[in-house]
Every structure is written in structure tokens, then in C-alpha cells.
Amino acid sequence: MTKKKIETFVYEDLGFPVVLVNVPMKKVFGEWCLDINFAQLQRRALLLLAKQMDPLCGREIRFIRHYLNMSTHKFGEVLGVTHVAVLHWVSDAKQMN
């Protein structure tokens, strides 16, 4: 298996862009793939979003809800809002997909 590192890589499969630096890559079946722990990436993204000073965008809120495996009803209940409010928050997330 061939390996290399990429200086910067923009990963967008969380629903929003995440810039990764010095990313390990491996060649699998002739294709270059990220050689990272994706569960750890999701956890770190969640922690960074929690510490972020700027307001969260809809895609980020959607990622958090999915990461926590909550329905819009449950997520809204935990935050003290209706599921309609949650749907409104994440509406720009669906427009981007």
C-alpha cells in the first residue's frame, strides 16, 4: 500500500468544509483516500463547533443533531424550542445539498 501526506485537504462530507492539514493518504485500489479516523474527526469537529464564537450555520446545527442521533423533535425538546424552529435553523443546510 502506497502512502503520502497532503499539505491541505478540504473535507466536506460533514456537511460543511473542514480544512485538514498534513493529511495522511493511502492508495487503495488505485485511488487516493484519507487515512484518518473519521469518528475522531467528527468528535473533534463537534468540540470545535461547541467552542466557536460565531453563530452556527444550519449545516453545522444539522451535523450536531445527526452526530447526537436526535430527531428534530428531540433536539428541539432538549433546546426548549419546537421542531419547526429546528427545521428553520437547518433549512439552509438542505438548500446547499
PDB file of N, CA and C in Angstrom:
ATOM      1  N   MET A   1       0.844  -1.172   0.000  1.00  0.00           N
ATOM      2  CA  MET A   1       0.000   0.000   0.000  1.00  0.00           C
ATOM      3  C   MET A   1       0.897   1.244   0.000  1.00  0.00           C
ATOM      4  N   THR A   2       0.641   2.168  -0.908  1.00  0.00           N
ATOM      5  CA  THR A   2       1.406   3.394  -1.022  1.00  0.00           C
ATOM      6  C   THR A   2       0.790   4.466  -0.127  1.00  0.00           C
ATOM      7  N   LYS A   3       1.665   5.254   0.526  1.00  0.00           N
ATOM      8  CA  LYS A   3       1.191   6.319   1.419  1.00  0.00           C
ATOM      9  C   LYS A   3       1.868   7.631   1.067  1.00  0.00           C
ATOM     10  N   LYS A   4       1.197   8.737   1.431  1.00  0.00           N
ATOM     11  CA  LYS A   4       1.761  10.076   1.269  1.00  0.00           C
ATOM     12  C   LYS A   4       1.002  11.018   2.186  1.00  0.00           C
ATOM     13  N   LYS A   5       1.477  12.255   2.279  1.00  0.00           N
ATOM     14  CA  LYS A   5       0.781  13.300   3.045  1.00  0.00           C
ATOM     15  C   LYS A   5       0.460  14.448   2.106  1.00  0.00           C
ATOM     16  N   ILE A   6      -0.696  15.042   2.329  1.00  0.00           N
ATOM     17  CA  ILE A   6      -1.113  16.221   1.572  1.00  0.00           C
ATOM     18  C   ILE A   6      -1.073  17.400   2.530  1.00  0.00           C
ATOM     19  N   GLU A   7      -0.515  18.512   2.041  1.00  0.00           N
ATOM     20  CA  GLU A   7      -0.370  19.700   2.884  1.00  0.00           C
ATOM     21  C   GLU A   7      -1.701  20.191   3.424  1.00  0.00           C
ATOM     22  N   THR A   8      -2.685  20.387   2.548  1.00  0.00           N
ATOM     23  CA  THR A   8      -4.026  20.792   2.973  1.00  0.00           C
ATOM     24  C   THR A   8      -5.058  20.039   2.153  1.00  0.00           C
ATOM     25  N   PHE A   9      -6.160  19.709   2.787  1.00  0.00           N
ATOM     26  CA  PHE A   9      -7.253  18.991   2.138  1.00  0.00           C
ATOM     27  C   PHE A   9      -8.550  19.529   2.712  1.00  0.00           C
ATOM     28  N   VAL A  10      -9.491  19.894   1.855  1.00  0.00           N
ATOM     29  CA  VAL A  10     -10.790  20.389   2.322  1.00  0.00           C
ATOM     30  C   VAL A  10     -11.767  19.214   2.296  1.00  0.00           C
ATOM     31  N   TYR A  11     -12.174  18.787   3.481  1.00  0.00           N
ATOM     32  CA  TYR A  11     -13.101  17.666   3.647  1.00  0.00           C
ATOM     33  C   TYR A  11     -14.502  18.236   3.826  1.00  0.00           C
ATOM     34  N   GLU A  12     -15.445  17.806   2.987  1.00  0.00           N
ATOM     35  CA  GLU A  12     -16.784  18.402   3.018  1.00  0.00           C
ATOM     36  C   GLU A  12     -17.889  17.411   3.352  1.00  0.00           C
ATOM     37  N   ASP A  13     -17.549  16.200   3.716  1.00  0.00           N
ATOM     38  CA  ASP A  13     -18.575  15.191   3.964  1.00  0.00           C
ATOM     39  C   ASP A  13     -19.284  15.317   5.309  1.00  0.00           C
ATOM     40  N   LEU A  14     -18.934  16.297   6.114  1.00  0.00           N
ATOM     41  CA  LEU A  14     -19.659  16.539   7.365  1.00  0.00           C
ATOM     42  C   LEU A  14     -20.836  17.487   7.132  1.00  0.00           C
ATOM     43  N   GLY A  15     -20.919  18.028   5.916  1.00  0.00           N
ATOM     44  CA  GLY A  15     -21.984  18.970   5.588  1.00  0.00           C
ATOM     45  C   GLY A  15     -21.492  20.396   5.515  1.00  0.00           C
ATOM     46  N   PHE A  16     -20.264  20.611   5.939  1.00  0.00           N
ATOM     47  CA  PHE A  16     -19.625  21.926   5.878  1.00  0.00           C
ATOM     48  C   PHE A  16     -18.135  21.678   5.693  1.00  0.00           C
ATOM     49  N   PRO A  17     -17.415  22.640   5.111  1.00  0.00           N
ATOM     50  CA  PRO A  17     -15.990  22.409   4.833  1.00  0.00           C
ATOM     51  C   PRO A  17     -15.126  22.403   6.091  1.00  0.00           C
ATOM     52  N   VAL A  18     -14.234  21.431   6.159  1.00  0.00           N
ATOM     53  CA  VAL A  18     -13.254  21.330   7.236  1.00  0.00           C
ATOM     54  C   VAL A  18     -11.882  21.241   6.569  1.00  0.00           C
ATOM     55  N   VAL A  19     -11.000  22.184   6.894  1.00  0.00           N
ATOM     56  CA  VAL A  19      -9.663  22.189   6.312  1.00  0.00           C
ATOM     57  C   VAL A  19      -8.750  21.314   7.170  1.00  0.00           C
ATOM     58  N   LEU A  20      -8.226  20.264   6.564  1.00  0.00           N
ATOM     59  CA  LEU A  20      -7.308  19.355   7.241  1.00  0.00           C
ATOM     60  C   LEU A  20      -5.896  19.672   6.782  1.00  0.00           C
ATOM     61  N   VAL A  21      -4.942  19.641   7.700  1.00  0.00           N
ATOM     62  CA  VAL A  21      -3.556  19.999   7.410  1.00  0.00           C
ATOM     63  C   VAL A  21      -2.667  18.777   7.630  1.00  0.00           C
ATOM     64  N   ASN A  22      -1.690  18.585   6.719  1.00  0.00           N
ATOM     65  CA  ASN A  22      -0.774  17.437   6.781  1.00  0.00           C
ATOM     66  C   ASN A  22      -1.540  16.120   6.887  1.00  0.00           C
ATOM     67  N   VAL A  23      -2.406  15.897   5.919  1.00  0.00           N
ATOM     68  CA  VAL A  23      -3.317  14.763   5.937  1.00  0.00           C
ATOM     69  C   VAL A  23      -2.648  13.503   5.379  1.00  0.00           C
ATOM     70  N   PRO A  24      -2.641  12.411   6.156  1.00  0.00           N
ATOM     71  CA  PRO A  24      -2.123  11.156   5.626  1.00  0.00           C
ATOM     72  C   PRO A  24      -3.097  10.567   4.611  1.00  0.00           C
ATOM     73  N   MET A  25      -2.554  10.082   3.515  1.00  0.00           N
ATOM     74  CA  MET A  25      -3.344   9.478   2.452  1.00  0.00           C
ATOM     75  C   MET A  25      -2.781   8.089   2.167  1.00  0.00           C
ATOM     76  N   LYS A  26      -3.631   7.208   1.671  1.00  0.00           N
ATOM     77  CA  LYS A  26      -3.168   5.895   1.242  1.00  0.00           C
ATOM     78  C   LYS A  26      -3.843   5.554  -0.077  1.00  0.00           C
ATOM     79  N   LYS A  27      -3.159   4.775  -0.872  1.00  0.00           N
ATOM     80  CA  LYS A  27      -3.689   4.376  -2.166  1.00  0.00           C
ATOM     81  C   LYS A  27      -4.368   3.019  -2.006  1.00  0.00           C
ATOM     82  N   VAL A  28      -5.665   2.988  -2.314  1.00  0.00           N
ATOM     83  CA  VAL A  28      -6.445   1.763  -2.208  1.00  0.00           C
ATOM     84  C   VAL A  28      -7.124   1.518  -3.550  1.00  0.00           C
ATOM     85  N   PHE A  29      -6.825   0.360  -4.140  1.00  0.00           N
ATOM     86  CA  PHE A  29      -7.387   0.014  -5.451  1.00  0.00           C
ATOM     87  C   PHE A  29      -7.165   1.122  -6.475  1.00  0.00           C
ATOM     88  N   GLY A  30      -5.972   1.727  -6.430  1.00  0.00           N
ATOM     89  CA  GLY A  30      -5.599   2.749  -7.392  1.00  0.00           C
ATOM     90  C   GLY A  30      -6.126   4.145  -7.096  1.00  0.00           C
ATOM     91  N   GLU A  31      -6.867   4.321  -6.007  1.00  0.00           N
ATOM     92  CA  GLU A  31      -7.438   5.623  -5.648  1.00  0.00           C
ATOM     93  C   GLU A  31      -6.834   6.118  -4.335  1.00  0.00           C
ATOM     94  N   TRP A  32      -6.519   7.423  -4.265  1.00  0.00           N
ATOM     95  CA  TRP A  32      -6.009   8.012  -3.028  1.00  0.00           C
ATOM     96  C   TRP A  32      -7.167   8.293  -2.088  1.00  0.00           C
ATOM     97  N   CYS A  33      -7.036   7.842  -0.846  1.00  0.00           N
ATOM     98  CA  CYS A  33      -8.071   8.001   0.186  1.00  0.00           C
ATOM     99  C   CYS A  33      -7.453   8.582   1.447  1.00  0.00           C
ATOM    100  N   LEU A  34      -8.269   9.282   2.219  1.00  0.00           N
ATOM    101  CA  LEU A  34      -7.810   9.779   3.512  1.00  0.00           C
ATOM    102  C   LEU A  34      -7.499   8.587   4.416  1.00  0.00           C
ATOM    103  N   ASP A  35      -6.411   8.680   5.131  1.00  0.00           N
ATOM    104  CA  ASP A  35      -6.017   7.628   6.075  1.00  0.00           C
ATOM    105  C   ASP A  35      -6.141   8.199   7.490  1.00  0.00           C
ATOM    106  N   ILE A  36      -7.398   8.472   7.867  1.00  0.00           N
ATOM    107  CA  ILE A  36      -7.664   9.103   9.166  1.00  0.00           C
ATOM    108  C   ILE A  36      -8.781   8.350   9.882  1.00  0.00           C
ATOM    109  N   ASN A  37      -8.933   8.632  11.159  1.00  0.00           N
ATOM    110  CA  ASN A  37     -10.011   8.080  11.963  1.00  0.00           C
ATOM    111  C   ASN A  37     -11.204   9.036  11.830  1.00  0.00           C
ATOM    112  N   PHE A  38     -12.210   8.629  11.067  1.00  0.00           N
ATOM    113  CA  PHE A  38     -13.339   9.519  10.788  1.00  0.00           C
ATOM    114  C   PHE A  38     -14.198   9.780  12.025  1.00  0.00           C
ATOM    115  N   ALA A  39     -14.310   8.816  12.922  1.00  0.00           N
ATOM    116  CA  ALA A  39     -15.060   9.028  14.165  1.00  0.00           C
ATOM    117  C   ALA A  39     -14.377  10.109  15.003  1.00  0.00           C
ATOM    118  N   GLN A  40     -13.056  10.076  15.030  1.00  0.00           N
ATOM    119  CA  GLN A  40     -12.299  11.090  15.770  1.00  0.00           C
ATOM    120  C   GLN A  40     -12.448  12.462  15.102  1.00  0.00           C
ATOM    121  N   LEU A  41     -12.457  12.490  13.784  1.00  0.00           N
ATOM    122  CA  LEU A  41     -12.656  13.748  13.061  1.00  0.00           C
ATOM    123  C   LEU A  41     -14.021  14.347  13.413  1.00  0.00           C
ATOM    124  N   GLN A  42     -15.064  13.522  13.420  1.00  0.00           N
ATOM    125  CA  GLN A  42     -16.399  14.015  13.769  1.00  0.00           C
ATOM    126  C   GLN A  42     -16.438  14.549  15.199  1.00  0.00           C
ATOM    127  N   ARG A  43     -15.822  13.827  16.117  1.00  0.00           N
ATOM    128  CA  ARG A  43     -15.811  14.253  17.518  1.00  0.00           C
ATOM    129  C   ARG A  43     -15.079  15.580  17.678  1.00  0.00           C
ATOM    130  N   ARG A  44     -13.934  15.712  17.013  1.00  0.00           N
ATOM    131  CA  ARG A  44     -13.178  16.968  17.100  1.00  0.00           C
ATOM    132  C   ARG A  44     -13.943  18.117  16.466  1.00  0.00           C
ATOM    133  N   ALA A  45     -14.623  17.850  15.346  1.00  0.00           N
ATOM    134  CA  ALA A  45     -15.433  18.894  14.710  1.00  0.00           C
ATOM    135  C   ALA A  45     -16.536  19.345  15.660  1.00  0.00           C
ATOM    136  N   LEU A  46     -17.179  18.390  16.338  1.00  0.00           N
ATOM    137  CA  LEU A  46     -18.224  18.724  17.300  1.00  0.00           C
ATOM    138  C   LEU A  46     -17.677  19.598  18.425  1.00  0.00           C
ATOM    139  N   LEU A  47     -16.526  19.235  18.962  1.00  0.00           N
ATOM    140  CA  LEU A  47     -15.935  20.016  20.055  1.00  0.00           C
ATOM    141  C   LEU A  47     -15.538  21.418  19.598  1.00  0.00           C
ATOM    142  N   LEU A  48     -15.019  21.534  18.385  1.00  0.00           N
ATOM    143  CA  LEU A  48     -14.663  22.856  17.864  1.00  0.00           C
ATOM    144  C   LEU A  48     -15.903  23.716  17.631  1.00  0.00           C
ATOM    145  N   LEU A  49     -16.977  23.113  17.156  1.00  0.00           N
ATOM    146  CA  LEU A  49     -18.219  23.860  16.964  1.00  0.00           C
ATOM    147  C   LEU A  49     -18.764  24.345  18.298  1.00  0.00           C
ATOM    148  N   ALA A  50     -18.615  23.530  19.330  1.00  0.00           N
ATOM    149  CA  ALA A  50     -19.107  23.913  20.667  1.00  0.00           C
ATOM    150  C   ALA A  50     -18.346  25.119  21.214  1.00  0.00           C
ATOM    151  N   LYS A  51     -17.090  25.264  20.831  1.00  0.00           N
ATOM    152  CA  LYS A  51     -16.254  26.369  21.325  1.00  0.00           C
ATOM    153  C   LYS A  51     -16.264  27.578  20.401  1.00  0.00           C
ATOM    154  N   GLN A  52     -16.878  27.437  19.255  1.00  0.00           N
ATOM    155  CA  GLN A  52     -16.889  28.501  18.248  1.00  0.00           C
ATOM    156  C   GLN A  52     -17.620  29.735  18.761  1.00  0.00           C
ATOM    157  N   MET A  53     -17.034  30.891  18.537  1.00  0.00           N
ATOM    158  CA  MET A  53     -17.638  32.149  18.993  1.00  0.00           C
ATOM    159  C   MET A  53     -18.710  32.660  18.020  1.00  0.00           C
ATOM    160  N   ASP A  54     -18.568  32.354  16.744  1.00  0.00           N
ATOM    161  CA  ASP A  54     -19.541  32.799  15.745  1.00  0.00           C
ATOM    162  C   ASP A  54     -20.811  31.949  15.834  1.00  0.00           C
ATOM    163  N   PRO A  55     -21.953  32.514  15.424  1.00  0.00           N
ATOM    164  CA  PRO A  55     -23.179  31.711  15.408  1.00  0.00           C
ATOM    165  C   PRO A  55     -23.030  30.522  14.459  1.00  0.00           C
ATOM    166  N   LEU A  56     -23.665  29.424  14.811  1.00  0.00           N
ATOM    167  CA  LEU A  56     -23.619  28.227  13.974  1.00  0.00           C
ATOM    168  C   LEU A  56     -24.502  28.417  12.753  1.00  0.00           C
ATOM    169  N   CYS A  57     -24.062  27.876  11.634  1.00  0.00           N
ATOM    170  CA  CYS A  57     -24.900  27.893  10.433  1.00  0.00           C
ATOM    171  C   CYS A  57     -25.783  26.639  10.459  1.00  0.00           C
ATOM    172  N   GLY A  58     -26.756  26.603   9.587  1.00  0.00           N
ATOM    173  CA  GLY A  58     -27.693  25.480   9.545  1.00  0.00           C
ATOM    174  C   GLY A  58     -27.027  24.142   9.326  1.00  0.00           C
ATOM    175  N   ARG A  59     -26.007  24.108   8.468  1.00  0.00           N
ATOM    176  CA  ARG A  59     -25.304  22.844   8.191  1.00  0.00           C
ATOM    177  C   ARG A  59     -24.576  22.340   9.429  1.00  0.00           C
ATOM    178  N   GLU A  60     -24.049  23.264  10.219  1.00  0.00           N
ATOM    179  CA  GLU A  60     -23.353  22.881  11.449  1.00  0.00           C
ATOM    180  C   GLU A  60     -24.342  22.347  12.491  1.00  0.00           C
ATOM    181  N   ILE A  61     -25.501  23.002  12.604  1.00  0.00           N
ATOM    182  CA  ILE A  61     -26.540  22.535  13.524  1.00  0.00           C
ATOM    183  C   ILE A  61     -27.028  21.156  13.099  1.00  0.00           C
ATOM    184  N   ARG A  62     -27.211  20.980  11.813  1.00  0.00           N
ATOM    185  CA  ARG A  62     -27.650  19.675  11.291  1.00  0.00           C
ATOM    186  C   ARG A  62     -26.622  18.596  11.618  1.00  0.00           C
ATOM    187  N   PHE A  63     -25.327  18.907  11.448  1.00  0.00           N
ATOM    188  CA  PHE A  63     -24.272  17.952  11.791  1.00  0.00           C
ATOM    189  C   PHE A  63     -24.356  17.577  13.267  1.00  0.00           C
ATOM    190  N   ILE A  64     -24.532  18.561  14.144  1.00  0.00           N
ATOM    191  CA  ILE A  64     -24.598  18.292  15.584  1.00  0.00           C
ATOM    192  C   ILE A  64     -25.791  17.390  15.898  1.00  0.00           C
ATOM    193  N   ARG A  65     -26.937  17.688  15.314  1.00  0.00           N
ATOM    194  CA  ARG A  65     -28.143  16.874  15.554  1.00  0.00           C
ATOM    195  C   ARG A  65     -27.926  15.443  15.076  1.00  0.00           C
ATOM    196  N   HIS A  66     -27.338  15.293  13.912  1.00  0.00           N
ATOM    197  CA  HIS A  66     -27.067  13.948  13.386  1.00  0.00           C
ATOM    198  C   HIS A  66     -26.016  13.231  14.234  1.00  0.00           C
ATOM    199  N   TYR A  67     -24.975  13.942  14.637  1.00  0.00           N
ATOM    200  CA  TYR A  67     -23.929  13.339  15.466  1.00  0.00           C
ATOM    201  C   TYR A  67     -24.531  12.807  16.772  1.00  0.00           C
ATOM    202  N   LEU A  68     -25.447  13.572  17.350  1.00  0.00           N
ATOM    203  CA  LEU A  68     -26.098  13.163  18.595  1.00  0.00           C
ATOM    204  C   LEU A  68     -27.231  12.164  18.358  1.00  0.00           C
ATOM    205  N   ASN A  69     -27.500  11.873  17.078  1.00  0.00           N
ATOM    206  CA  ASN A  69     -28.522  10.903  16.681  1.00  0.00           C
ATOM    207  C   ASN A  69     -29.895  11.275  17.255  1.00  0.00           C
ATOM    208  N   MET A  70     -30.253  12.545  17.093  1.00  0.00           N
ATOM    209  CA  MET A  70     -31.533  13.037  17.615  1.00  0.00           C
ATOM    210  C   MET A  70     -32.459  13.426  16.472  1.00  0.00           C
ATOM    211  N   SER A  71     -33.730  13.168  16.675  1.00  0.00           N
ATOM    212  CA  SER A  71     -34.742  13.647  15.737  1.00  0.00           C
ATOM    213  C   SER A  71     -34.876  15.163  15.919  1.00  0.00           C
ATOM    214  N   THR A  72     -35.542  15.806  14.981  1.00  0.00           N
ATOM    215  CA  THR A  72     -35.763  17.248  15.135  1.00  0.00           C
ATOM    216  C   THR A  72     -36.630  17.514  16.366  1.00  0.00           C
ATOM    217  N   HIS A  73     -37.580  16.609  16.645  1.00  0.00           N
ATOM    218  CA  HIS A  73     -38.429  16.769  17.832  1.00  0.00           C
ATOM    219  C   HIS A  73     -37.597  16.700  19.113  1.00  0.00           C
ATOM    220  N   LYS A  74     -36.750  15.682  19.231  1.00  0.00           N
ATOM    221  CA  LYS A  74     -35.947  15.504  20.445  1.00  0.00           C
ATOM    222  C   LYS A  74     -34.929  16.634  20.595  1.00  0.00           C
ATOM    223  N   PHE A  75     -34.279  17.011  19.496  1.00  0.00           N
ATOM    224  CA  PHE A  75     -33.288  18.091  19.520  1.00  0.00           C
ATOM    225  C   PHE A  75     -33.946  19.390  19.982  1.00  0.00           C
ATOM    226  N   GLY A  76     -35.114  19.690  19.425  1.00  0.00           N
ATOM    227  CA  GLY A  76     -35.849  20.882  19.833  1.00  0.00           C
ATOM    228  C   GLY A  76     -36.264  20.822  21.293  1.00  0.00           C
ATOM    229  N   GLU A  77     -36.713  19.655  21.731  1.00  0.00           N
ATOM    230  CA  GLU A  77     -37.119  19.477  23.124  1.00  0.00           C
ATOM    231  C   GLU A  77     -35.956  19.758  24.074  1.00  0.00           C
ATOM    232  N   VAL A  78     -34.777  19.236  23.744  1.00  0.00           N
ATOM    233  CA  VAL A  78     -33.589  19.450  24.582  1.00  0.00           C
ATOM    234  C   VAL A  78     -33.225  20.930  24.643  1.00  0.00           C
ATOM    235  N   LEU A  79     -33.409  21.634  23.529  1.00  0.00           N
ATOM    236  CA  LEU A  79     -33.059  23.058  23.468  1.00  0.00           C
ATOM    237  C   LEU A  79     -34.210  23.982  23.865  1.00  0.00           C
ATOM    238  N   GLY A  80     -35.372  23.401  24.136  1.00  0.00           N
ATOM    239  CA  GLY A  80     -36.508  24.211  24.571  1.00  0.00           C
ATOM    240  C   GLY A  80     -37.205  24.960  23.448  1.00  0.00           C
ATOM    241  N   VAL A  81     -37.155  24.396  22.240  1.00  0.00           N
ATOM    242  CA  VAL A  81     -37.832  25.003  21.089  1.00  0.00           C
ATOM    243  C   VAL A  81     -38.641  23.917  20.377  1.00  0.00           C
ATOM    244  N   THR A  82     -39.472  24.343  19.431  1.00  0.00           N
ATOM    245  CA  THR A  82     -40.259  23.375  18.666  1.00  0.00           C
ATOM    246  C   THR A  82     -39.405  22.750  17.573  1.00  0.00           C
ATOM    247  N   HIS A  83     -39.868  21.622  17.052  1.00  0.00           N
ATOM    248  CA  HIS A  83     -39.148  21.006  15.937  1.00  0.00           C
ATOM    249  C   HIS A  83     -39.194  21.905  14.695  1.00  0.00           C
ATOM    250  N   VAL A  84     -40.216  22.726  14.603  1.00  0.00           N
ATOM    251  CA  VAL A  84     -40.317  23.672  13.482  1.00  0.00           C
ATOM    252  C   VAL A  84     -39.165  24.676  13.536  1.00  0.00           C
ATOM    253  N   ALA A  85     -38.810  25.109  14.736  1.00  0.00           N
ATOM    254  CA  ALA A  85     -37.676  26.025  14.892  1.00  0.00           C
ATOM    255  C   ALA A  85     -36.390  25.342  14.432  1.00  0.00           C
ATOM    256  N   VAL A  86     -36.221  24.081  14.803  1.00  0.00           N
ATOM    257  CA  VAL A  86     -35.031  23.335  14.381  1.00  0.00           C
ATOM    258  C   VAL A  86     -35.008  23.223  12.859  1.00  0.00           C
ATOM    259  N   LEU A  87     -36.145  22.908  12.265  1.00  0.00           N
ATOM    260  CA  LEU A  87     -36.222  22.815  10.803  1.00  0.00           C
ATOM    261  C   LEU A  87     -35.865  24.148  10.155  1.00  0.00           C
ATOM    262  N   HIS A  88     -36.295  25.235  10.758  1.00  0.00           N
ATOM    263  CA  HIS A  88     -35.974  26.565  10.246  1.00  0.00           C
ATOM    264  C   HIS A  88     -34.461  26.822  10.330  1.00  0.00           C
ATOM    265  N   TRP A  89     -33.840  26.441  11.446  1.00  0.00           N
ATOM    266  CA  TRP A  89     -32.396  26.635  11.631  1.00  0.00           C
ATOM    267  C   TRP A  89     -31.596  25.914  10.566  1.00  0.00           C
ATOM    268  N   VAL A  90     -32.025  24.698  10.232  1.00  0.00           N
ATOM    269  CA  VAL A  90     -31.223  23.883   9.304  1.00  0.00           C
ATOM    270  C   VAL A  90     -31.682  24.017   7.858  1.00  0.00           C
ATOM    271  N   SER A  91     -32.640  24.888   7.582  1.00  0.00           N
ATOM    272  CA  SER A  91     -33.172  25.000   6.227  1.00  0.00           C
ATOM    273  C   SER A  91     -32.100  25.331   5.200  1.00  0.00           C
ATOM    274  N   ASP A  92     -31.109  26.144   5.553  1.00  0.00           N
ATOM    275  CA  ASP A  92     -30.067  26.453   4.569  1.00  0.00           C
ATOM    276  C   ASP A  92     -29.187  25.239   4.328  1.00  0.00           C
ATOM    277  N   ALA A  93     -29.136  24.280   5.253  1.00  0.00           N
ATOM    278  CA  ALA A  93     -28.355  23.062   5.055  1.00  0.00           C
ATOM    279  C   ALA A  93     -28.920  22.245   3.911  1.00  0.00           C
ATOM    280  N   LYS A  94     -30.232  22.173   3.799  1.00  0.00           N
ATOM    281  CA  LYS A  94     -30.851  21.382   2.739  1.00  0.00           C
ATOM    282  C   LYS A  94     -30.735  22.073   1.391  1.00  0.00           C
ATOM    283  N   GLN A  95     -30.755  23.394   1.384  1.00  0.00           N
ATOM    284  CA  GLN A  95     -30.624  24.134   0.138  1.00  0.00           C
ATOM    285  C   GLN A  95     -29.231  23.948  -0.465  1.00  0.00           C
ATOM    286  N   MET A  96     -28.227  23.697   0.372  1.00  0.00           N
ATOM    287  CA  MET A  96     -26.848  23.545  -0.106  1.00  0.00           C
ATOM    288  C   MET A  96     -26.596  22.158  -0.673  1.00  0.00           C
ATOM    289  N   ASN A  97     -27.423  21.148  -0.322  1.00  0.00           N
ATOM    290  CA  ASN A  97     -27.210  19.767  -0.787  1.00  0.00           C
ATOM    291  C   ASN A  97     -27.791  19.530  -2.137  1.00  0.00           C
TER     292      ASN A  97
END
